[in-house]
Amino acid sequence: MSEFRYAVNVLPKPGILDPQGRAVELSLPHLNVTTVSRVRVGRRVELSVTAEAEPEARLVVDALAKELLSNPLIEAYEIELLEGTSSIVSAAALPGVKVTRS
């Protein structure tokens, strides 16, 4: 078994109202920033999955992203494999997904 680290990046779909992104964009001129536009604000979730192989782990992350981490009607997500995968898993580790918060 190996442990795989992922990040799931979730953003509003194109054309969906993004009030946070709009607020950031409207604040830019007050900071004398005139070269930034089309601001979108989303969220990032990082997690570790224990699996036999990376494709198996990615399926778990994809299911979580679709069913829990994003609203498929208004949000799109992207899965990113992070560095630092490990083939050493503690004997006390429970099978499944571990979500870490920083």
Protein backbone atom coordinates (compact mmCIF):
# COMPACT_ATOMS: atom_id res chain seq x y z
CA MET A 1 0.00 0.00 0.00
CA SER A 2 1.11 3.52 -0.71
CA GLU A 3 -0.05 6.92 0.43
CA PHE A 4 -0.83 9.49 -2.25
CA ARG A 5 -1.23 13.24 -1.60
CA TYR A 6 -3.72 15.26 -3.61
CA ALA A 7 -5.08 18.76 -3.82
CA VAL A 8 -8.59 19.40 -5.11
CA ASN A 9 -8.98 22.94 -6.43
CA VAL A 10 -12.61 24.09 -6.69
CA LEU A 11 -13.73 27.23 -8.55
CA PRO A 12 -17.07 28.62 -9.69
CA LYS A 13 -17.86 27.51 -13.25
CA PRO A 14 -17.45 30.14 -15.98
CA GLY A 15 -20.51 32.37 -16.10
CA ILE A 16 -21.47 31.69 -12.48
CA LEU A 17 -21.63 34.75 -10.24
CA ASP A 18 -18.51 34.97 -8.03
CA PRO A 19 -19.14 37.72 -5.45
CA GLN A 20 -15.84 37.10 -3.65
CA GLY A 21 -13.87 37.35 -6.87
CA ARG A 22 -15.76 40.51 -7.79
CA ALA A 23 -15.03 42.07 -4.37
CA VAL A 24 -11.31 41.35 -4.77
CA GLU A 25 -11.33 42.77 -8.28
CA LEU A 26 -13.09 45.96 -7.16
CA SER A 27 -10.50 46.41 -4.38
CA LEU A 28 -7.52 46.27 -6.72
CA PRO A 29 -7.60 49.93 -7.83
CA HIS A 30 -7.46 50.99 -4.16
CA LEU A 31 -4.12 49.15 -4.01
CA ASN A 32 -2.94 50.80 -7.24
CA VAL A 33 -3.12 47.46 -9.05
CA THR A 34 -4.40 48.01 -12.58
CA THR A 35 -2.99 44.99 -14.43
CA VAL A 36 -5.06 42.24 -12.77
CA SER A 37 -8.53 41.20 -13.98
CA ARG A 38 -10.97 38.27 -14.14
CA VAL A 39 -10.43 37.34 -10.49
CA ARG A 40 -12.06 34.06 -9.39
CA VAL A 41 -12.04 32.93 -5.75
CA GLY A 42 -12.30 29.26 -4.87
CA ARG A 43 -10.96 26.81 -2.34
CA ARG A 44 -8.31 24.13 -2.08
CA VAL A 45 -8.63 20.86 -0.18
CA GLU A 46 -5.53 18.71 0.43
CA LEU A 47 -5.85 15.06 1.39
CA SER A 48 -3.99 11.75 1.54
CA VAL A 49 -5.32 8.45 0.20
CA THR A 50 -3.93 5.00 0.95
CA ALA A 51 -4.24 2.68 -2.05
CA GLU A 52 -2.45 -0.03 -4.01
CA ALA A 53 -1.75 2.31 -6.96
CA GLU A 54 -2.20 5.95 -7.96
CA PRO A 55 -5.12 5.35 -10.38
CA GLU A 56 -7.08 3.68 -7.57
CA ALA A 57 -6.34 6.58 -5.23
CA ARG A 58 -7.35 9.12 -7.91
CA LEU A 59 -10.74 7.39 -8.30
CA VAL A 60 -11.38 7.91 -4.57
CA VAL A 61 -10.43 11.59 -4.81
CA ASP A 62 -12.54 12.07 -7.94
CA ALA A 63 -15.59 10.56 -6.21
CA LEU A 64 -15.06 12.82 -3.18
CA ALA A 65 -14.64 15.88 -5.38
CA LYS A 66 -17.89 15.12 -7.24
CA GLU A 67 -20.00 14.12 -4.25
CA LEU A 68 -18.64 16.13 -1.32
CA LEU A 69 -16.09 18.81 -2.14
CA SER A 70 -17.86 20.60 -4.99
CA ASN A 71 -21.34 21.51 -6.13
CA PRO A 72 -21.43 20.15 -9.70
CA LEU A 73 -24.16 22.60 -10.72
CA ILE A 74 -22.08 25.72 -10.13
CA GLU A 75 -18.48 24.59 -9.49
CA ALA A 76 -15.70 22.90 -11.42
CA TYR A 77 -12.79 21.08 -9.81
CA GLU A 78 -9.29 20.00 -10.75
CA ILE A 79 -7.32 17.23 -9.05
CA GLU A 80 -3.60 17.73 -8.55
CA LEU A 81 -1.22 14.94 -7.47
CA LEU A 82 1.19 16.43 -4.94
CA GLU A 83 4.79 15.38 -4.35
CA GLY A 84 5.64 13.39 -1.28
CA THR A 85 3.89 10.10 -1.95
CA SER A 86 5.08 7.37 0.37
CA SER A 87 5.12 3.58 0.22
CA ILE A 88 5.31 3.39 4.02
CA VAL A 89 1.97 3.23 5.79
CA SER A 90 1.61 2.90 9.54
CA ALA A 91 0.15 -0.42 10.72
CA ALA A 92 -2.31 1.62 12.79
CA ALA A 93 -3.58 3.56 9.75
CA LEU A 94 -7.20 3.06 8.89
CA PRO A 95 -8.04 2.28 5.28
CA GLY A 96 -9.68 5.11 3.40
CA VAL A 97 -9.15 8.81 3.07
CA LYS A 98 -7.40 11.08 5.56
CA VAL A 99 -8.15 14.79 5.23
CA THR A 100 -5.50 17.11 6.64
CA ARG A 101 -5.95 20.73 7.59
CA SER A 102 -3.20 23.29 7.85
